[in-house]
Amino acid sequence: MTHGVVLYAKGTEFTFARAGANYQYTVVQTGENYTFKFAQPVNDSVVKLQAGYHVLQSIYQDSSINKQYTEAYIRERARCYVFDSRFYTYSLCFLPNDFNIKYKDRFWGFTT
């Protein structure tokens, strides 16, 4: 366990654990990028970023990824964050749910 985050995985299904809550998510490789989707919403913005960091760790298995993002930007309505590591720079983007009332609480996005 590292700062309340448990890292374990089974195939493309992962679990982010924080403060006694487990958040399951799936990851799918889409070309050079990866998409992720959590089974339940994460409403707190700090926890969202921690969950996003967990996604990056799960996908890239790069222990040198900084826990704090260095830049934030909007890309085609997605809110994106840049995380640097020793040799690479990763982008983590959270997609909006503005267009689908049924899934307005969905927590999903992609990494590059």
PDB file of N, CA and C in Angstrom:
ATOM      1  N   MET A   1       0.849  -1.179   0.000  1.00  0.00           N
ATOM      2  CA  MET A   1       0.000   0.000   0.000  1.00  0.00           C
ATOM      3  C   MET A   1       0.889   1.234   0.000  1.00  0.00           C
ATOM      4  N   THR A   2       0.578   2.193  -0.873  1.00  0.00           N
ATOM      5  CA  THR A   2       1.313   3.435  -0.976  1.00  0.00           C
ATOM      6  C   THR A   2       0.343   4.595  -0.851  1.00  0.00           C
ATOM      7  N   HIS A   3       0.426   5.339   0.235  1.00  0.00           N
ATOM      8  CA  HIS A   3      -0.451   6.500   0.454  1.00  0.00           C
ATOM      9  C   HIS A   3      -1.923   6.146   0.274  1.00  0.00           C
ATOM     10  N   GLY A   4      -2.375   5.040   0.839  1.00  0.00           N
ATOM     11  CA  GLY A   4      -3.776   4.666   0.770  1.00  0.00           C
ATOM     12  C   GLY A   4      -4.192   4.077  -0.562  1.00  0.00           C
ATOM     13  N   VAL A   5      -3.249   3.783  -1.433  1.00  0.00           N
ATOM     14  CA  VAL A   5      -3.567   3.227  -2.742  1.00  0.00           C
ATOM     15  C   VAL A   5      -3.025   1.807  -2.808  1.00  0.00           C
ATOM     16  N   VAL A   6      -3.881   0.862  -3.131  1.00  0.00           N
ATOM     17  CA  VAL A   6      -3.472  -0.525  -3.274  1.00  0.00           C
ATOM     18  C   VAL A   6      -3.375  -0.818  -4.763  1.00  0.00           C
ATOM     19  N   LEU A   7      -2.237  -1.332  -5.191  1.00  0.00           N
ATOM     20  CA  LEU A   7      -2.037  -1.647  -6.595  1.00  0.00           C
ATOM     21  C   LEU A   7      -2.169  -3.151  -6.802  1.00  0.00           C
ATOM     22  N   TYR A   8      -3.233  -3.570  -7.460  1.00  0.00           N
ATOM     23  CA  TYR A   8      -3.351  -4.958  -7.879  1.00  0.00           C
ATOM     24  C   TYR A   8      -4.265  -5.015  -9.080  1.00  0.00           C
ATOM     25  N   ALA A   9      -4.099  -6.051  -9.875  1.00  0.00           N
ATOM     26  CA  ALA A   9      -4.851  -6.092 -11.128  1.00  0.00           C
ATOM     27  C   ALA A   9      -5.155  -7.524 -11.526  1.00  0.00           C
ATOM     28  N   LYS A  10      -6.157  -7.667 -12.379  1.00  0.00           N
ATOM     29  CA  LYS A  10      -6.503  -8.958 -12.966  1.00  0.00           C
ATOM     30  C   LYS A  10      -6.872  -8.691 -14.416  1.00  0.00           C
ATOM     31  N   GLY A  11      -5.970  -9.007 -15.340  1.00  0.00           N
ATOM     32  CA  GLY A  11      -6.230  -8.735 -16.749  1.00  0.00           C
ATOM     33  C   GLY A  11      -6.352  -7.249 -16.998  1.00  0.00           C
ATOM     34  N   THR A  12      -7.455  -6.835 -17.628  1.00  0.00           N
ATOM     35  CA  THR A  12      -7.670  -5.416 -17.899  1.00  0.00           C
ATOM     36  C   THR A  12      -8.565  -4.769 -16.850  1.00  0.00           C
ATOM     37  N   GLU A  13      -8.868  -5.489 -15.789  1.00  0.00           N
ATOM     38  CA  GLU A  13      -9.658  -4.934 -14.694  1.00  0.00           C
ATOM     39  C   GLU A  13      -8.720  -4.586 -13.549  1.00  0.00           C
ATOM     40  N   PHE A  14      -8.895  -3.392 -13.014  1.00  0.00           N
ATOM     41  CA  PHE A  14      -8.042  -2.905 -11.942  1.00  0.00           C
ATOM     42  C   PHE A  14      -8.905  -2.388 -10.803  1.00  0.00           C
ATOM     43  N   THR A  15      -8.282  -2.234  -9.632  1.00  0.00           N
ATOM     44  CA  THR A  15      -8.973  -1.679  -8.473  1.00  0.00           C
ATOM     45  C   THR A  15      -8.111  -0.599  -7.843  1.00  0.00           C
ATOM     46  N   PHE A  16      -8.715   0.553  -7.641  1.00  0.00           N
ATOM     47  CA  PHE A  16      -8.097   1.654  -6.913  1.00  0.00           C
ATOM     48  C   PHE A  16      -8.767   1.684  -5.549  1.00  0.00           C
ATOM     49  N   ALA A  17      -7.974   1.591  -4.481  1.00  0.00           N
ATOM     50  CA  ALA A  17      -8.522   1.585  -3.125  1.00  0.00           C
ATOM     51  C   ALA A  17      -8.024   2.815  -2.374  1.00  0.00           C
ATOM     52  N   ARG A  18      -8.971   3.487  -1.721  1.00  0.00           N
ATOM     53  CA  ARG A  18      -8.613   4.670  -0.933  1.00  0.00           C
ATOM     54  C   ARG A  18      -9.601   4.828   0.206  1.00  0.00           C
ATOM     55  N   ALA A  19      -9.061   4.984   1.397  1.00  0.00           N
ATOM     56  CA  ALA A  19      -9.865   5.251   2.592  1.00  0.00           C
ATOM     57  C   ALA A  19     -11.015   4.257   2.744  1.00  0.00           C
ATOM     58  N   GLY A  20     -10.724   2.989   2.530  1.00  0.00           N
ATOM     59  CA  GLY A  20     -11.726   1.944   2.716  1.00  0.00           C
ATOM     60  C   GLY A  20     -12.696   1.754   1.569  1.00  0.00           C
ATOM     61  N   ALA A  21     -12.590   2.562   0.533  1.00  0.00           N
ATOM     62  CA  ALA A  21     -13.473   2.422  -0.634  1.00  0.00           C
ATOM     63  C   ALA A  21     -12.691   1.814  -1.792  1.00  0.00           C
ATOM     64  N   ASN A  22     -13.324   0.893  -2.508  1.00  0.00           N
ATOM     65  CA  ASN A  22     -12.718   0.278  -3.686  1.00  0.00           C
ATOM     66  C   ASN A  22     -13.426   0.772  -4.933  1.00  0.00           C
ATOM     67  N   TYR A  23     -12.648   1.189  -5.909  1.00  0.00           N
ATOM     68  CA  TYR A  23     -13.171   1.676  -7.181  1.00  0.00           C
ATOM     69  C   TYR A  23     -12.617   0.786  -8.290  1.00  0.00           C
ATOM     70  N   GLN A  24     -13.476  -0.030  -8.886  1.00  0.00           N
ATOM     71  CA  GLN A  24     -13.036  -0.891  -9.973  1.00  0.00           C
ATOM     72  C   GLN A  24     -13.133  -0.161 -11.300  1.00  0.00           C
ATOM     73  N   TYR A  25     -12.171  -0.455 -12.174  1.00  0.00           N
ATOM     74  CA  TYR A  25     -12.194   0.138 -13.505  1.00  0.00           C
ATOM     75  C   TYR A  25     -11.580  -0.814 -14.514  1.00  0.00           C
ATOM     76  N   THR A  26     -11.904  -0.588 -15.773  1.00  0.00           N
ATOM     77  CA  THR A  26     -11.348  -1.390 -16.859  1.00  0.00           C
ATOM     78  C   THR A  26     -10.520  -0.485 -17.762  1.00  0.00           C
ATOM     79  N   VAL A  27      -9.521  -1.092 -18.381  1.00  0.00           N
ATOM     80  CA  VAL A  27      -8.644  -0.384 -19.306  1.00  0.00           C
ATOM     81  C   VAL A  27      -8.629  -1.148 -20.621  1.00  0.00           C
ATOM     82  N   VAL A  28      -8.748  -0.402 -21.722  1.00  0.00           N
ATOM     83  CA  VAL A  28      -8.703  -0.989 -23.058  1.00  0.00           C
ATOM     84  C   VAL A  28      -7.685  -0.210 -23.875  1.00  0.00           C
ATOM     85  N   GLN A  29      -6.795  -0.918 -24.558  1.00  0.00           N
ATOM     86  CA  GLN A  29      -5.850  -0.237 -25.434  1.00  0.00           C
ATOM     87  C   GLN A  29      -6.559   0.125 -26.731  1.00  0.00           C
ATOM     88  N   THR A  30      -6.454   1.394 -27.115  1.00  0.00           N
ATOM     89  CA  THR A  30      -7.086   1.891 -28.339  1.00  0.00           C
ATOM     90  C   THR A  30      -5.997   2.547 -29.180  1.00  0.00           C
ATOM     91  N   GLY A  31      -5.351   1.760 -30.009  1.00  0.00           N
ATOM     92  CA  GLY A  31      -4.214   2.267 -30.779  1.00  0.00           C
ATOM     93  C   GLY A  31      -3.044   2.525 -29.857  1.00  0.00           C
ATOM     94  N   GLU A  32      -2.505   3.739 -29.906  1.00  0.00           N
ATOM     95  CA  GLU A  32      -1.392   4.104 -29.023  1.00  0.00           C
ATOM     96  C   GLU A  32      -1.874   4.587 -27.661  1.00  0.00           C
ATOM     97  N   ASN A  33      -3.162   4.834 -27.538  1.00  0.00           N
ATOM     98  CA  ASN A  33      -3.742   5.336 -26.293  1.00  0.00           C
ATOM     99  C   ASN A  33      -4.419   4.212 -25.525  1.00  0.00           C
ATOM    100  N   TYR A  34      -4.826   4.537 -24.315  1.00  0.00           N
ATOM    101  CA  TYR A  34      -5.614   3.627 -23.486  1.00  0.00           C
ATOM    102  C   TYR A  34      -6.849   4.381 -23.014  1.00  0.00           C
ATOM    103  N   THR A  35      -7.986   3.707 -22.993  1.00  0.00           N
ATOM    104  CA  THR A  35      -9.186   4.297 -22.412  1.00  0.00           C
ATOM    105  C   THR A  35      -9.478   3.582 -21.101  1.00  0.00           C
ATOM    106  N   PHE A  36     -10.058   4.303 -20.158  1.00  0.00           N
ATOM    107  CA  PHE A  36     -10.418   3.701 -18.874  1.00  0.00           C
ATOM    108  C   PHE A  36     -11.832   4.121 -18.512  1.00  0.00           C
ATOM    109  N   LYS A  37     -12.498   3.253 -17.768  1.00  0.00           N
ATOM    110  CA  LYS A  37     -13.859   3.536 -17.314  1.00  0.00           C
ATOM    111  C   LYS A  37     -14.037   2.916 -15.932  1.00  0.00           C
ATOM    112  N   PHE A  38     -14.443   3.740 -14.982  1.00  0.00           N
ATOM    113  CA  PHE A  38     -14.692   3.269 -13.625  1.00  0.00           C
ATOM    114  C   PHE A  38     -16.116   2.745 -13.520  1.00  0.00           C
ATOM    115  N   ALA A  39     -16.304   1.707 -12.713  1.00  0.00           N
ATOM    116  CA  ALA A  39     -17.625   1.093 -12.547  1.00  0.00           C
ATOM    117  C   ALA A  39     -18.565   1.989 -11.750  1.00  0.00           C
ATOM    118  N   GLN A  40     -18.016   2.869 -10.921  1.00  0.00           N
ATOM    119  CA  GLN A  40     -18.834   3.774 -10.116  1.00  0.00           C
ATOM    120  C   GLN A  40     -18.213   5.159 -10.165  1.00  0.00           C
ATOM    121  N   PRO A  41     -18.999   6.186  -9.935  1.00  0.00           N
ATOM    122  CA  PRO A  41     -18.458   7.545 -10.013  1.00  0.00           C
ATOM    123  C   PRO A  41     -17.512   7.862  -8.860  1.00  0.00           C
ATOM    124  N   VAL A  42     -16.564   8.728  -9.140  1.00  0.00           N
ATOM    125  CA  VAL A  42     -15.676   9.302  -8.135  1.00  0.00           C
ATOM    126  C   VAL A  42     -15.965  10.795  -8.178  1.00  0.00           C
ATOM    127  N   ASN A  43     -16.540  11.339  -7.122  1.00  0.00           N
ATOM    128  CA  ASN A  43     -17.028  12.717  -7.157  1.00  0.00           C
ATOM    129  C   ASN A  43     -16.031  13.758  -6.664  1.00  0.00           C
ATOM    130  N   ASP A  44     -15.154  13.397  -5.768  1.00  0.00           N
ATOM    131  CA  ASP A  44     -14.194  14.343  -5.206  1.00  0.00           C
ATOM    132  C   ASP A  44     -13.049  14.560  -6.202  1.00  0.00           C
ATOM    133  N   SER A  45     -12.714  15.824  -6.500  1.00  0.00           N
ATOM    134  CA  SER A  45     -11.692  16.108  -7.510  1.00  0.00           C
ATOM    135  C   SER A  45     -10.302  15.630  -7.095  1.00  0.00           C
ATOM    136  N   VAL A  46      -9.978  15.676  -5.807  1.00  0.00           N
ATOM    137  CA  VAL A  46      -8.682  15.182  -5.342  1.00  0.00           C
ATOM    138  C   VAL A  46      -8.606  13.669  -5.525  1.00  0.00           C
ATOM    139  N   VAL A  47      -9.670  12.968  -5.176  1.00  0.00           N
ATOM    140  CA  VAL A  47      -9.702  11.512  -5.333  1.00  0.00           C
ATOM    141  C   VAL A  47      -9.674  11.146  -6.816  1.00  0.00           C
ATOM    142  N   LYS A  48     -10.317  11.945  -7.665  1.00  0.00           N
ATOM    143  CA  LYS A  48     -10.267  11.695  -9.114  1.00  0.00           C
ATOM    144  C   LYS A  48      -8.831  11.722  -9.616  1.00  0.00           C
ATOM    145  N   LEU A  49      -8.060  12.713  -9.190  1.00  0.00           N
ATOM    146  CA  LEU A  49      -6.665  12.792  -9.619  1.00  0.00           C
ATOM    147  C   LEU A  49      -5.847  11.631  -9.075  1.00  0.00           C
ATOM    148  N   GLN A  50      -6.113  11.220  -7.837  1.00  0.00           N
ATOM    149  CA  GLN A  50      -5.421  10.058  -7.285  1.00  0.00           C
ATOM    150  C   GLN A  50      -5.791   8.796  -8.057  1.00  0.00           C
ATOM    151  N   ALA A  51      -7.058   8.673  -8.420  1.00  0.00           N
ATOM    152  CA  ALA A  51      -7.503   7.532  -9.222  1.00  0.00           C
ATOM    153  C   ALA A  51      -6.842   7.576 -10.597  1.00  0.00           C
ATOM    154  N   GLY A  52      -6.746   8.762 -11.177  1.00  0.00           N
ATOM    155  CA  GLY A  52      -6.078   8.906 -12.465  1.00  0.00           C
ATOM    156  C   GLY A  52      -4.613   8.531 -12.397  1.00  0.00           C
ATOM    157  N   TYR A  53      -3.945   8.927 -11.320  1.00  0.00           N
ATOM    158  CA  TYR A  53      -2.551   8.535 -11.113  1.00  0.00           C
ATOM    159  C   TYR A  53      -2.448   7.011 -11.037  1.00  0.00           C
ATOM    160  N   HIS A  54      -3.393   6.382 -10.360  1.00  0.00           N
ATOM    161  CA  HIS A  54      -3.416   4.921 -10.262  1.00  0.00           C
ATOM    162  C   HIS A  54      -3.581   4.295 -11.644  1.00  0.00           C
ATOM    163  N   VAL A  55      -4.431   4.896 -12.474  1.00  0.00           N
ATOM    164  CA  VAL A  55      -4.609   4.411 -13.850  1.00  0.00           C
ATOM    165  C   VAL A  55      -3.270   4.449 -14.586  1.00  0.00           C
ATOM    166  N   LEU A  56      -2.557   5.574 -14.493  1.00  0.00           N
ATOM    167  CA  LEU A  56      -1.257   5.685 -15.159  1.00  0.00           C
ATOM    168  C   LEU A  56      -0.287   4.623 -14.662  1.00  0.00           C
ATOM    169  N   GLN A  57      -0.221   4.432 -13.342  1.00  0.00           N
ATOM    170  CA  GLN A  57       0.664   3.416 -12.772  1.00  0.00           C
ATOM    171  C   GLN A  57       0.285   2.022 -13.259  1.00  0.00           C
ATOM    172  N   SER A  58      -1.005   1.738 -13.316  1.00  0.00           N
ATOM    173  CA  SER A  58      -1.481   0.417 -13.732  1.00  0.00           C
ATOM    174  C   SER A  58      -1.136   0.135 -15.187  1.00  0.00           C
ATOM    175  N   ILE A  59      -1.281   1.123 -16.030  1.00  0.00           N
ATOM    176  CA  ILE A  59      -1.040   0.934 -17.462  1.00  0.00           C
ATOM    177  C   ILE A  59       0.444   0.885 -17.779  1.00  0.00           C
ATOM    178  N   TYR A  60       1.172   1.890 -17.343  1.00  0.00           N
ATOM    179  CA  TYR A  60       2.556   2.060 -17.784  1.00  0.00           C
ATOM    180  C   TYR A  60       3.584   1.422 -16.855  1.00  0.00           C
ATOM    181  N   GLN A  61       3.204   1.099 -15.638  1.00  0.00           N
ATOM    182  CA  GLN A  61       4.093   0.471 -14.659  1.00  0.00           C
ATOM    183  C   GLN A  61       5.433   1.206 -14.565  1.00  0.00           C
ATOM    184  N   ASP A  62       5.349   2.523 -14.473  1.00  0.00           N
ATOM    185  CA  ASP A  62       6.514   3.398 -14.391  1.00  0.00           C
ATOM    186  C   ASP A  62       6.540   4.007 -12.989  1.00  0.00           C
ATOM    187  N   SER A  63       7.424   3.514 -12.150  1.00  0.00           N
ATOM    188  CA  SER A  63       7.467   3.970 -10.756  1.00  0.00           C
ATOM    189  C   SER A  63       7.993   5.395 -10.618  1.00  0.00           C
ATOM    190  N   SER A  64       8.523   5.974 -11.697  1.00  0.00           N
ATOM    191  CA  SER A  64       9.058   7.335 -11.605  1.00  0.00           C
ATOM    192  C   SER A  64       8.029   8.413 -11.961  1.00  0.00           C
ATOM    193  N   ILE A  65       6.768   8.028 -12.204  1.00  0.00           N
ATOM    194  CA  ILE A  65       5.737   9.029 -12.506  1.00  0.00           C
ATOM    195  C   ILE A  65       5.506   9.886 -11.261  1.00  0.00           C
ATOM    196  N   ASN A  66       5.609  11.211 -11.426  1.00  0.00           N
ATOM    197  CA  ASN A  66       5.360  12.125 -10.314  1.00  0.00           C
ATOM    198  C   ASN A  66       3.891  12.071  -9.915  1.00  0.00           C
ATOM    199  N   LYS A  67       3.628  12.169  -8.622  1.00  0.00           N
ATOM    200  CA  LYS A  67       2.252  12.093  -8.125  1.00  0.00           C
ATOM    201  C   LYS A  67       1.471  13.381  -8.353  1.00  0.00           C
ATOM    202  N   GLN A  68       2.165  14.469  -8.583  1.00  0.00           N
ATOM    203  CA  GLN A  68       1.518  15.756  -8.840  1.00  0.00           C
ATOM    204  C   GLN A  68       1.620  16.080 -10.324  1.00  0.00           C
ATOM    205  N   TYR A  69       0.532  16.559 -10.894  1.00  0.00           N
ATOM    206  CA  TYR A  69       0.578  16.940 -12.302  1.00  0.00           C
ATOM    207  C   TYR A  69       1.326  18.257 -12.455  1.00  0.00           C
ATOM    208  N   THR A  70       1.928  18.456 -13.630  1.00  0.00           N
ATOM    209  CA  THR A  70       2.718  19.657 -13.879  1.00  0.00           C
ATOM    210  C   THR A  70       1.983  20.679 -14.731  1.00  0.00           C
ATOM    211  N   GLU A  71       0.916  20.248 -15.397  1.00  0.00           N
ATOM    212  CA  GLU A  71       0.180  21.136 -16.291  1.00  0.00           C
ATOM    213  C   GLU A  71      -1.237  20.605 -16.437  1.00  0.00           C
ATOM    214  N   ALA A  72      -2.180  21.507 -16.643  1.00  0.00           N
ATOM    215  CA  ALA A  72      -3.571  21.121 -16.906  1.00  0.00           C
ATOM    216  C   ALA A  72      -4.046  21.879 -18.137  1.00  0.00           C
ATOM    217  N   TYR A  73      -4.871  21.235 -18.935  1.00  0.00           N
ATOM    218  CA  TYR A  73      -5.393  21.876 -20.139  1.00  0.00           C
ATOM    219  C   TYR A  73      -6.702  21.212 -20.552  1.00  0.00           C
ATOM    220  N   ILE A  74      -7.423  21.852 -21.463  1.00  0.00           N
ATOM    221  CA  ILE A  74      -8.666  21.308 -22.009  1.00  0.00           C
ATOM    222  C   ILE A  74      -8.380  20.864 -23.440  1.00  0.00           C
ATOM    223  N   ARG A  75      -8.769  19.633 -23.756  1.00  0.00           N
ATOM    224  CA  ARG A  75      -8.567  19.084 -25.103  1.00  0.00           C
ATOM    225  C   ARG A  75      -9.891  18.516 -25.591  1.00  0.00           C
ATOM    226  N   GLU A  76     -10.495  19.165 -26.557  1.00  0.00           N
ATOM    227  CA  GLU A  76     -11.773  18.720 -27.116  1.00  0.00           C
ATOM    228  C   GLU A  76     -12.775  18.392 -26.012  1.00  0.00           C
ATOM    229  N   ARG A  77     -12.952  19.311 -25.085  1.00  0.00           N
ATOM    230  CA  ARG A  77     -13.887  19.236 -23.957  1.00  0.00           C
ATOM    231  C   ARG A  77     -13.442  18.283 -22.848  1.00  0.00           C
ATOM    232  N   ALA A  78     -12.336  17.595 -23.011  1.00  0.00           N
ATOM    233  CA  ALA A  78     -11.807  16.726 -21.954  1.00  0.00           C
ATOM    234  C   ALA A  78     -10.867  17.547 -21.077  1.00  0.00           C
ATOM    235  N   ARG A  79     -10.903  17.304 -19.778  1.00  0.00           N
ATOM    236  CA  ARG A  79      -9.992  17.968 -18.841  1.00  0.00           C
ATOM    237  C   ARG A  79      -8.770  17.073 -18.694  1.00  0.00           C
ATOM    238  N   CYS A  80      -7.603  17.599 -19.092  1.00  0.00           N
ATOM    239  CA  CYS A  80      -6.388  16.791 -19.148  1.00  0.00           C
ATOM    240  C   CYS A  80      -5.333  17.299 -18.168  1.00  0.00           C
ATOM    241  N   TYR A  81      -4.515  16.367 -17.708  1.00  0.00           N
ATOM    242  CA  TYR A  81      -3.434  16.660 -16.772  1.00  0.00           C
ATOM    243  C   TYR A  81      -2.171  15.982 -17.276  1.00  0.00           C
ATOM    244  N   VAL A  82      -1.043  16.657 -17.127  1.00  0.00           N
ATOM    245  CA  VAL A  82       0.245  16.135 -17.568  1.00  0.00           C
ATOM    246  C   VAL A  82       1.023  15.670 -16.344  1.00  0.00           C
ATOM    247  N   PHE A  83       1.494  14.440 -16.401  1.00  0.00           N
ATOM    248  CA  PHE A  83       2.317  13.864 -15.339  1.00  0.00           C
ATOM    249  C   PHE A  83       3.676  13.520 -15.936  1.00  0.00           C
ATOM    250  N   ASP A  84       4.730  14.033 -15.332  1.00  0.00           N
ATOM    251  CA  ASP A  84       6.080  13.746 -15.809  1.00  0.00           C
ATOM    252  C   ASP A  84       6.660  12.557 -15.058  1.00  0.00           C
ATOM    253  N   SER A  85       7.557  11.863 -15.728  1.00  0.00           N
ATOM    254  CA  SER A  85       8.334  10.808 -15.084  1.00  0.00           C
ATOM    255  C   SER A  85       9.794  11.036 -15.464  1.00  0.00           C
ATOM    256  N   ARG A  86      10.634  10.122 -15.098  1.00  0.00           N
ATOM    257  CA  ARG A  86      12.057  10.290 -15.362  1.00  0.00           C
ATOM    258  C   ARG A  86      12.336  10.422 -16.867  1.00  0.00           C
ATOM    259  N   PHE A  87      11.710   9.578 -17.691  1.00  0.00           N
ATOM    260  CA  PHE A  87      12.006   9.581 -19.123  1.00  0.00           C
ATOM    261  C   PHE A  87      10.824   9.950 -20.014  1.00  0.00           C
ATOM    262  N   TYR A  88       9.604   9.931 -19.480  1.00  0.00           N
ATOM    263  CA  TYR A  88       8.411  10.133 -20.302  1.00  0.00           C
ATOM    264  C   TYR A  88       7.498  11.195 -19.697  1.00  0.00           C
ATOM    265  N   THR A  89       6.593  11.668 -20.530  1.00  0.00           N
ATOM    266  CA  THR A  89       5.519  12.552 -20.095  1.00  0.00           C
ATOM    267  C   THR A  89       4.209  11.891 -20.478  1.00  0.00           C
ATOM    268  N   TYR A  90       3.287  11.801 -19.531  1.00  0.00           N
ATOM    269  CA  TYR A  90       2.005  11.147 -19.757  1.00  0.00           C
ATOM    270  C   TYR A  90       0.882  12.166 -19.627  1.00  0.00           C
ATOM    271  N   SER A  91      -0.133  12.013 -20.461  1.00  0.00           N
ATOM    272  CA  SER A  91      -1.337  12.837 -20.342  1.00  0.00           C
ATOM    273  C   SER A  91      -2.491  11.964 -19.886  1.00  0.00           C
ATOM    274  N   LEU A  92      -3.251  12.477 -18.954  1.00  0.00           N
ATOM    275  CA  LEU A  92      -4.425  11.801 -18.416  1.00  0.00           C
ATOM    276  C   LEU A  92      -5.611  12.726 -18.647  1.00  0.00           C
ATOM    277  N   CYS A  93      -6.621  12.253 -19.356  1.00  0.00           N
ATOM    278  CA  CYS A  93      -7.761  13.104 -19.703  1.00  0.00           C
ATOM    279  C   CYS A  93      -9.061  12.494 -19.202  1.00  0.00           C
ATOM    280  N   PHE A  94      -9.862  13.307 -18.521  1.00  0.00           N
ATOM    281  CA  PHE A  94     -11.181  12.896 -18.058  1.00  0.00           C
ATOM    282  C   PHE A  94     -12.211  13.423 -19.048  1.00  0.00           C
ATOM    283  N   LEU A  95     -13.050  12.538 -19.546  1.00  0.00           N
ATOM    284  CA  LEU A  95     -14.057  12.919 -20.533  1.00  0.00           C
ATOM    285  C   LEU A  95     -15.311  13.454 -19.853  1.00  0.00           C
ATOM    286  N   PRO A  96     -15.976  14.417 -20.486  1.00  0.00           N
ATOM    287  CA  PRO A  96     -17.210  14.969 -19.916  1.00  0.00           C
ATOM    288  C   PRO A  96     -18.390  14.036 -20.158  1.00  0.00           C
ATOM    289  N   ASN A  97     -19.445  14.244 -19.406  1.00  0.00           N
ATOM    290  CA  ASN A  97     -20.666  13.451 -19.540  1.00  0.00           C
ATOM    291  C   ASN A  97     -21.838  14.326 -19.956  1.00  0.00           C
ATOM    292  N   ASP A  98     -21.566  15.404 -20.626  1.00  0.00           N
ATOM    293  CA  ASP A  98     -22.583  16.402 -20.952  1.00  0.00           C
ATOM    294  C   ASP A  98     -23.656  15.921 -21.917  1.00  0.00           C
ATOM    295  N   PHE A  99     -23.365  14.906 -22.692  1.00  0.00           N
ATOM    296  CA  PHE A  99     -24.257  14.543 -23.786  1.00  0.00           C
ATOM    297  C   PHE A  99     -25.119  13.326 -23.502  1.00  0.00           C
ATOM    298  N   ASN A 100     -25.013  12.745 -22.331  1.00  0.00           N
ATOM    299  CA  ASN A 100     -25.776  11.543 -22.041  1.00  0.00           C
ATOM    300  C   ASN A 100     -26.299  11.613 -20.612  1.00  0.00           C
ATOM    301  N   ILE A 101     -27.562  11.939 -20.458  1.00  0.00           N
ATOM    302  CA  ILE A 101     -28.171  12.084 -19.131  1.00  0.00           C
ATOM    303  C   ILE A 101     -28.117  10.772 -18.363  1.00  0.00           C
ATOM    304  N   LYS A 102     -28.273   9.655 -19.055  1.00  0.00           N
ATOM    305  CA  LYS A 102     -28.268   8.340 -18.410  1.00  0.00           C
ATOM    306  C   LYS A 102     -26.940   8.061 -17.704  1.00  0.00           C
ATOM    307  N   TYR A 103     -25.842   8.549 -18.264  1.00  0.00           N
ATOM    308  CA  TYR A 103     -24.518   8.286 -17.705  1.00  0.00           C
ATOM    309  C   TYR A 103     -23.846   9.558 -17.197  1.00  0.00           C
ATOM    310  N   LYS A 104     -24.611  10.484 -16.630  1.00  0.00           N
ATOM    311  CA  LYS A 104     -24.042  11.768 -16.224  1.00  0.00           C
ATOM    312  C   LYS A 104     -23.015  11.647 -15.101  1.00  0.00           C
ATOM    313  N   ASP A 105     -23.033  10.561 -14.328  1.00  0.00           N
ATOM    314  CA  ASP A 105     -22.058  10.373 -13.256  1.00  0.00           C
ATOM    315  C   ASP A 105     -20.883   9.495 -13.671  1.00  0.00           C
ATOM    316  N   ARG A 106     -20.835   9.097 -14.937  1.00  0.00           N
ATOM    317  CA  ARG A 106     -19.781   8.188 -15.409  1.00  0.00           C
ATOM    318  C   ARG A 106     -18.413   8.845 -15.238  1.00  0.00           C
ATOM    319  N   PHE A 107     -17.443   8.059 -14.814  1.00  0.00           N
ATOM    320  CA  PHE A 107     -16.069   8.513 -14.630  1.00  0.00           C
ATOM    321  C   PHE A 107     -15.214   7.727 -15.608  1.00  0.00           C
ATOM    322  N   TRP A 108     -14.750   8.413 -16.644  1.00  0.00           N
ATOM    323  CA  TRP A 108     -14.017   7.734 -17.704  1.00  0.00           C
ATOM    324  C   TRP A 108     -13.057   8.691 -18.378  1.00  0.00           C
ATOM    325  N   GLY A 109     -12.174   8.156 -19.216  1.00  0.00           N
ATOM    326  CA  GLY A 109     -11.221   9.011 -19.902  1.00  0.00           C
ATOM    327  C   GLY A 109     -10.228   8.209 -20.705  1.00  0.00           C
ATOM    328  N   PHE A 110      -9.090   8.860 -20.990  1.00  0.00           N
ATOM    329  CA  PHE A 110      -8.050   8.194 -21.770  1.00  0.00           C
ATOM    330  C   PHE A 110      -6.683   8.720 -21.357  1.00  0.00           C
ATOM    331  N   THR A 111      -5.649   7.976 -21.735  1.00  0.00           N
ATOM    332  CA  THR A 111      -4.273   8.372 -21.467  1.00  0.00           C
ATOM    333  C   THR A 111      -3.483   8.343 -22.765  1.00  0.00           C
ATOM    334  N   THR A 112      -2.466   9.175 -22.818  1.00  0.00           N
ATOM    335  CA  THR A 112      -1.556   9.177 -23.962  1.00  0.00           C
ATOM    336  C   THR A 112      -0.133   9.280 -23.465  1.00  0.00           C
TER     337      THR A 112
END
